[in-house]
């Protein structure tokens, strides 16, 4: 039996399916005080909420509606959590999209806006609650796809997806996730909050299977399960041994050297500067 999480509160985005669902259920088995699931649809999340309650009947489970493609929706979701006046021990930025072309409500390339900008605002809004924790953590789900990104084209991230597959754009958004975790670690160095970016592995989740169609069936034997994929983010969220580590990138439950672009302090700082400008109208 894994160590109890009694008294702890977790906030997870996109836990209605895939790795996020596996994460929420694994945490529920360890009896935390509260799990807050932020996703688009309550109807599509209700089954997970029921499963979490069944596993941890004495703990609280809350649903908050969030659409990461809309910064107004992100602000509303964060304000709803702020109104709960809770301490957040761990914020898990798990939700994401891949292989979908388009542009967000606020004019960002769809993957970049969803996977980075929406989560950036969500994190900024909720940081005061994370700072209340005895040892708060922010876990950002990235991908080994970030190695394929050769920097960030600041003009391209403000336009609709340009490529047919939208995979290069996805890789840029995952680079932004690693940059965000590293910059946030430096910014919070004098606090009790630590940060982690993670690659869950090649997971047989919904995020790619919807895009690959019949090819998903052929690839499935080579992929790991959602439960296996959740292990790295669960370790980063809960393992006391990692309480002194911050800003690192994890793969297969261990630290791994990220791409050279992800290690660039100047790129980290430039992403923060631009992200602050983008989300500033939604921070009040």
Protein backbone atom coordinates (compact mmCIF):
# COMPACT_ATOMS: atom_id res chain seq x y z
CA UNK A 1 0.00 0.00 0.00
CA UNK A 2 1.40 3.39 -0.99
CA UNK A 3 1.86 6.09 1.61
CA UNK A 4 -1.34 7.88 2.67
CA UNK A 5 -2.02 11.37 1.35
CA UNK A 6 -4.26 12.25 4.30
CA UNK A 7 -4.93 15.95 4.61
CA UNK A 8 -3.63 16.83 1.14
CA UNK A 9 -5.48 18.59 -1.69
CA UNK A 10 -4.82 18.00 -5.39
CA UNK A 11 -6.05 19.99 -8.37
CA UNK A 12 -5.83 18.19 -11.74
CA UNK A 13 -6.79 19.46 -15.19
CA UNK A 14 -8.23 17.08 -17.76
CA UNK A 15 -8.75 14.13 -15.43
CA UNK A 16 -11.93 12.99 -17.18
CA UNK A 17 -9.99 10.56 -19.37
CA UNK A 18 -6.58 9.08 -20.14
CA UNK A 19 -3.57 9.69 -17.93
CA UNK A 20 -5.40 12.32 -15.88
CA UNK A 21 -8.13 9.86 -14.95
CA UNK A 22 -5.53 7.24 -14.00
CA UNK A 23 -3.77 9.87 -11.90
CA UNK A 24 -6.94 10.90 -10.08
CA UNK A 25 -7.88 7.28 -9.27
CA UNK A 26 -4.38 6.42 -8.07
CA UNK A 27 -4.43 9.45 -5.77
CA UNK A 28 -7.94 8.61 -4.51
CA UNK A 29 -6.74 5.19 -3.41
CA UNK A 30 -4.32 6.96 -1.05
CA UNK A 31 -7.13 8.88 0.68
CA UNK A 32 -6.33 12.59 0.22
CA UNK A 33 -8.55 15.22 1.79
CA UNK A 34 -9.71 16.64 -1.54
CA UNK A 35 -9.33 16.19 -5.28
CA UNK A 36 -10.48 18.97 -7.58
CA UNK A 37 -10.92 17.95 -11.21
CA UNK A 38 -10.99 20.74 -13.78
CA UNK A 39 -12.19 19.71 -17.23
CA UNK A 40 -14.57 20.87 -19.94
CA UNK A 41 -17.67 18.80 -19.36
CA UNK A 42 -19.24 17.65 -16.12
CA UNK A 43 -21.18 14.98 -17.99
CA UNK A 44 -17.98 13.49 -19.41
CA UNK A 45 -16.28 13.76 -16.02
CA UNK A 46 -19.09 12.40 -13.85
CA UNK A 47 -17.97 8.77 -14.10
CA UNK A 48 -14.51 9.70 -12.79
CA UNK A 49 -16.00 11.80 -9.99
CA UNK A 50 -18.08 8.78 -8.98
CA UNK A 51 -15.03 6.49 -9.09
CA UNK A 52 -13.01 8.88 -6.95
CA UNK A 53 -15.83 9.08 -4.38
CA UNK A 54 -16.08 5.29 -4.28
CA UNK A 55 -12.35 4.92 -3.65
CA UNK A 56 -12.21 7.71 -1.07
CA UNK A 57 -15.69 8.17 0.46
CA UNK A 58 -14.39 10.32 3.31
CA UNK A 59 -12.57 12.74 0.99
CA UNK A 60 -14.04 15.65 -0.95
CA UNK A 61 -14.17 15.65 -4.74
CA UNK A 62 -15.05 18.76 -6.70
CA UNK A 63 -15.64 19.51 -10.35
CA UNK A 64 -14.72 22.82 -11.96
CA UNK A 65 -15.54 23.56 -15.58
CA UNK A 66 -12.59 24.82 -17.62
CA UNK A 67 -11.97 25.38 -21.31
CA UNK A 68 -8.25 25.94 -21.74
CA UNK A 69 -8.79 27.42 -25.21
CA UNK A 70 -10.51 30.41 -23.57
CA UNK A 71 -8.63 32.56 -21.06
CA UNK A 72 -11.94 33.91 -19.80
CA UNK A 73 -12.98 30.34 -18.97
CA UNK A 74 -9.63 29.68 -17.29
CA UNK A 75 -10.03 32.80 -15.16
CA UNK A 76 -13.54 31.75 -14.14
CA UNK A 77 -12.38 28.25 -13.20
CA UNK A 78 -9.46 29.57 -11.17
CA UNK A 79 -11.69 32.11 -9.42
CA UNK A 80 -14.08 29.29 -8.48
CA UNK A 81 -11.20 27.40 -6.85
CA UNK A 82 -9.91 30.56 -5.16
CA UNK A 83 -13.37 31.04 -3.69
CA UNK A 84 -13.07 27.62 -2.03
CA UNK A 85 -10.31 29.17 0.09
CA UNK A 86 -8.35 25.92 0.19
CA UNK A 87 -4.68 25.03 0.41
CA UNK A 88 -3.45 23.32 -2.77
CA UNK A 89 -0.69 20.84 -2.03
CA UNK A 90 -0.25 19.83 -5.66
CA UNK A 91 -1.40 21.41 -8.92
CA UNK A 92 -1.18 18.98 -11.84
CA UNK A 93 -1.39 20.63 -15.27
CA UNK A 94 -2.30 17.46 -17.11
CA UNK A 95 -4.84 18.42 -19.79
CA UNK A 96 -3.68 18.84 -23.34
CA UNK A 97 -4.42 18.42 -27.01
CA UNK A 98 -2.38 17.02 -29.88
CA UNK A 99 -2.80 16.74 -33.61
CA UNK A 100 -5.64 19.27 -33.76
CA UNK A 101 -5.36 22.30 -36.03
CA UNK A 102 -6.86 25.68 -35.24
CA UNK A 103 -6.67 28.77 -33.08
CA UNK A 104 -7.93 29.57 -29.60
CA UNK A 105 -10.55 32.14 -28.67
CA UNK A 106 -7.75 34.54 -27.72
CA UNK A 107 -5.82 34.12 -30.96
CA UNK A 108 -3.14 31.55 -30.09
CA UNK A 109 -2.17 28.52 -32.14
CA UNK A 110 -4.45 25.83 -30.75
CA UNK A 111 -1.90 23.50 -29.12
CA UNK A 112 0.24 26.34 -27.78
CA UNK A 113 -2.75 28.21 -26.40
CA UNK A 114 -4.26 25.13 -24.79
CA UNK A 115 -1.19 23.33 -23.53
CA UNK A 116 0.79 26.37 -22.40
CA UNK A 117 -1.04 29.72 -22.27
CA UNK A 118 -4.21 28.42 -20.63
CA UNK A 119 -2.23 26.49 -18.04
CA UNK A 120 0.09 29.45 -17.47
CA UNK A 121 -2.86 31.63 -16.46
CA UNK A 122 -4.35 28.83 -14.34
CA UNK A 123 -1.05 28.40 -12.52
CA UNK A 124 -0.53 32.12 -11.94
CA UNK A 125 -4.01 32.48 -10.50
CA UNK A 126 -3.68 29.48 -8.18
CA UNK A 127 -0.10 30.03 -6.97
CA UNK A 128 -1.24 31.84 -3.80
CA UNK A 129 -3.09 28.66 -2.75
CA UNK A 130 -0.09 26.45 -3.61
CA UNK A 131 2.20 28.70 -1.57
CA UNK A 132 0.03 28.01 1.49
CA UNK A 133 1.06 24.36 1.49
CA UNK A 134 3.76 22.97 3.72
CA UNK A 135 5.53 21.90 0.53
CA UNK A 136 3.51 22.86 -2.54
CA UNK A 137 4.16 21.33 -5.95
CA UNK A 138 3.34 22.20 -9.56
CA UNK A 139 3.54 19.25 -11.97
CA UNK A 140 3.39 20.10 -15.68
CA UNK A 141 2.82 17.27 -18.14
CA UNK A 142 5.09 17.75 -21.15
CA UNK A 143 6.39 15.23 -23.69
CA UNK A 144 9.56 13.94 -25.25
CA UNK A 145 8.17 15.71 -28.31
CA UNK A 146 9.75 18.86 -26.88
CA UNK A 147 13.12 17.59 -28.18
CA UNK A 148 11.84 18.11 -31.74
CA UNK A 149 11.09 21.80 -31.25
CA UNK A 150 13.84 24.15 -32.40
CA UNK A 151 12.75 27.12 -30.36
CA UNK A 152 9.55 29.18 -30.43
CA UNK A 153 8.40 31.24 -33.39
CA UNK A 154 6.61 34.07 -31.60
CA UNK A 155 4.68 35.05 -34.70
CA UNK A 156 3.55 31.49 -35.44
CA UNK A 157 2.10 30.95 -31.94
CA UNK A 158 -0.28 33.86 -32.61
CA UNK A 159 -1.65 32.31 -35.80
CA UNK A 160 -3.73 29.22 -36.66
CA UNK A 161 -1.81 25.93 -36.97
CA UNK A 162 0.20 25.91 -40.19
CA UNK A 163 1.14 22.23 -40.65
CA UNK A 164 -1.24 19.50 -41.77
CA UNK A 165 -0.59 17.26 -38.76
CA UNK A 166 -0.16 20.05 -36.17
CA UNK A 167 2.53 17.82 -34.65
CA UNK A 168 5.33 20.43 -34.93
CA UNK A 169 3.05 22.90 -33.15
CA UNK A 170 2.36 20.32 -30.45
CA UNK A 171 6.11 19.90 -29.94
CA UNK A 172 6.53 23.66 -29.50
CA UNK A 173 3.77 23.66 -26.87
CA UNK A 174 5.54 20.83 -25.02
CA UNK A 175 8.81 22.78 -25.13
CA UNK A 176 6.91 25.67 -23.55
CA UNK A 177 5.79 23.31 -20.76
CA UNK A 178 9.39 22.40 -19.87
CA UNK A 179 10.50 26.04 -20.10
CA UNK A 180 7.60 27.07 -17.84
CA UNK A 181 8.46 24.52 -15.15
CA UNK A 182 12.12 25.53 -15.14
CA UNK A 183 11.43 29.27 -15.05
CA UNK A 184 8.83 28.84 -12.32
CA UNK A 185 11.32 26.89 -10.23
CA UNK A 186 13.82 29.74 -10.42
CA UNK A 187 11.14 32.30 -9.64
CA UNK A 188 9.94 30.33 -6.59
CA UNK A 189 13.41 29.41 -5.31
CA UNK A 190 12.85 31.26 -2.03
CA UNK A 191 9.47 29.61 -1.39
CA UNK A 192 8.34 26.12 -0.34
CA UNK A 193 6.97 25.38 -3.83
CA UNK A 194 8.76 22.98 -6.19
CA UNK A 195 8.05 22.32 -9.86
CA UNK A 196 8.38 19.34 -12.19
CA UNK A 197 7.85 18.75 -15.93
CA UNK A 198 7.24 15.17 -17.01
CA UNK A 199 7.09 12.92 -20.04
CA UNK A 200 4.47 10.23 -19.35
CA UNK A 201 5.77 7.86 -22.01
CA UNK A 202 4.20 6.57 -25.21
CA UNK A 203 0.71 6.14 -23.81
CA UNK A 204 -2.29 4.45 -25.41
CA UNK A 205 -4.48 7.41 -24.44
CA UNK A 206 -7.25 9.27 -26.25
CA UNK A 207 -5.04 12.24 -27.13
CA UNK A 208 -3.51 10.57 -30.20
CA UNK A 209 -5.83 7.63 -30.89
CA UNK A 210 -8.58 9.99 -32.07
CA UNK A 211 -6.16 11.45 -34.62
CA UNK A 212 -4.52 8.22 -35.81
CA UNK A 213 -7.72 6.33 -36.60
CA UNK A 214 -7.04 2.71 -37.67
CA UNK A 215 -3.29 3.21 -37.20
CA UNK A 216 -3.88 3.52 -33.44
CA UNK A 217 -4.79 -0.18 -33.35
CA UNK A 218 -1.47 -1.09 -34.99
CA UNK A 219 0.51 1.07 -32.56
CA UNK A 220 -1.27 -0.04 -29.38
CA UNK A 221 0.98 -3.08 -28.67
CA UNK A 222 3.97 -0.72 -28.54
CA UNK A 223 2.36 1.74 -26.13
CA UNK A 224 2.03 1.72 -22.36
CA UNK A 225 -1.24 1.95 -20.44
CA UNK A 226 -2.66 5.12 -18.90
CA UNK A 227 -1.89 3.67 -15.47
CA UNK A 228 1.75 3.15 -16.42
CA UNK A 229 1.87 6.60 -17.99
CA UNK A 230 0.59 8.26 -14.84
CA UNK A 231 3.39 6.86 -12.67
CA UNK A 232 5.89 9.62 -13.38
CA UNK A 233 3.53 12.48 -12.64
CA UNK A 234 2.25 10.69 -9.51
CA UNK A 235 5.81 10.29 -8.27
CA UNK A 236 6.55 13.96 -8.91
CA UNK A 237 3.31 14.91 -7.17
CA UNK A 238 3.71 12.77 -4.06
CA UNK A 239 7.18 11.32 -3.44
CA UNK A 240 8.77 12.93 -0.34
CA UNK A 241 12.18 12.10 -1.79
CA UNK A 242 11.63 14.71 -4.52
CA UNK A 243 10.78 17.54 -2.14
CA UNK A 244 14.24 19.05 -2.56
CA UNK A 245 14.25 18.76 -6.37
CA UNK A 246 12.75 21.51 -8.49
CA UNK A 247 12.64 22.60 -12.11
CA UNK A 248 13.77 19.25 -13.48
CA UNK A 249 12.37 17.21 -16.38
CA UNK A 250 11.37 13.59 -15.62
CA UNK A 251 11.01 10.52 -17.82
CA UNK A 252 10.33 6.99 -16.52
CA UNK A 253 10.10 8.40 -12.97
CA UNK A 254 13.68 9.76 -13.09
CA UNK A 255 15.26 13.12 -13.97
CA UNK A 256 16.42 13.38 -17.58
CA UNK A 257 18.32 16.12 -19.38
CA UNK A 258 15.84 18.09 -21.52
CA UNK A 259 16.66 19.65 -24.87
CA UNK A 260 19.21 22.45 -25.13
CA UNK A 261 16.38 24.83 -26.02
CA UNK A 262 14.52 23.86 -22.86
CA UNK A 263 17.63 24.67 -20.80
CA UNK A 264 17.97 28.17 -22.24
CA UNK A 265 17.46 30.66 -19.42
CA UNK A 266 16.99 33.48 -21.92
CA UNK A 267 14.22 31.53 -23.68
CA UNK A 268 12.61 30.69 -20.34
CA UNK A 269 12.62 34.37 -19.39
CA UNK A 270 11.32 35.48 -22.79
CA UNK A 271 8.45 32.99 -22.56
CA UNK A 272 7.60 34.24 -19.11
CA UNK A 273 7.69 37.89 -20.22
CA UNK A 274 5.39 37.24 -23.16
CA UNK A 275 3.10 34.92 -21.17
CA UNK A 276 2.73 37.58 -18.48
CA UNK A 277 1.67 40.08 -21.13
CA UNK A 278 -0.79 37.65 -22.69
CA UNK A 279 -2.56 36.73 -19.45
CA UNK A 280 -2.36 40.08 -17.66
CA UNK A 281 -5.91 41.17 -18.61
CA UNK A 282 -7.26 37.99 -16.98
CA UNK A 283 -5.39 38.11 -13.67
CA UNK A 284 -7.72 40.53 -11.86
